Amino acid sequence: MRSVIVAAIALGALGPPPGSTLDARQQNGASGIRRETRGSFRFVDPGTNHPITVWFCRSLVVAAQTRVVFIMHGSESQTARQACDIASPYIQAHKAIVLAPQFAEEYYPGDAYMFGNMVDSAGRLLPQSAWAFGAIEELFDLVRAEFGLSQTRYDIVGFSGGAQFVHRLALFAPDARFRRAVAASAGRYALPSWAERFPYGLAGGPIERRMLPAVFSRDLVLLLGDQDVTDRERDAASMAQGKTRFARGLRFFAAAIDEAAAQGVYLRWQLRLVPGVDHSAVPMVRAALHELDK
């Protein structure tokens, strides 16, 4: 699909002191979103001090109840700039603000972005302040403040590597303020199972058993293309979840059903199949956006 490349708007300073939020430089960097309906701005993740380019598009009119929707890119960060092309029918129909933060490989190498920046290159758990999920929360507050939105929750969808990010957000960030999260076509998972080691399961990870009922009560949709059955050879831990993305997705949902049953709690998560679709971004992201309205 042809990408529309747009000029960056009002690039902010390289970064605020660690721990600061919504300072003037951040707000100035995002001010272009008021002047333009499509473009990008520079944001600095307070947890890591890394710069993030945020691609955005929005309806002409923004009201207090305008929805904020995050679209998380795949494993190649430059695909973030395609998000507005794919989401354009949704924006026109729903008068939303779409944000697509680009977690560049320079700052989030290897699996860092897909794993939510929860672990270092050796697989050791990082402090929660460094997790990339916090950047989503900060961006939401930034845009809410810029437009004076009354919305208190956002929606978030992710495709492929972005789906890895999104389902981990749902699992490991219980305070994340999403209304609905849609994880489409992830390549591997953190299984909601204590039989698997973190970051491919829960054992040795940052959450406890008592936290799972709340996690299972979140509005998470797992979206799978039923023809997503061709994949490259991956590491042993990933291949143990299944030979294809479709199989691994089914395994993830089955593990959630089993764990919820073992704890005797209700599982709110949903599984949706997209018939006839393989690992293709355009139909899967548009199907994911459609899930926000069900």
Foldseek 3Di string as FASTA:
>chain_A
DDFDAAEQPQEFPQFDAAPDAPDPRQLSQPLVVVVDQWHWGWHAQSLQSGIKIKTKGFDPDDDQAAAEEEEEEAPAQVCLRRVCVLCVVVRVVRRHMYIYIRPHCVNQNDLCVLLQVQADPVRHGDPPSNGNLVVVVRVVVSVCVSRVHPDPAHEYEYAASGLSNQLNCLVPVLPHRHQAYERELYQAYQADDCVDDPPRYPPPDDDDLVCVLSSQPHHYEYEYEPAQADDDDDDPSRCVCDPGSRSNSVSRVVSSVVSCVVVVHDGNYYYYYDYPDYRDDNVRVVVRSVVVVD
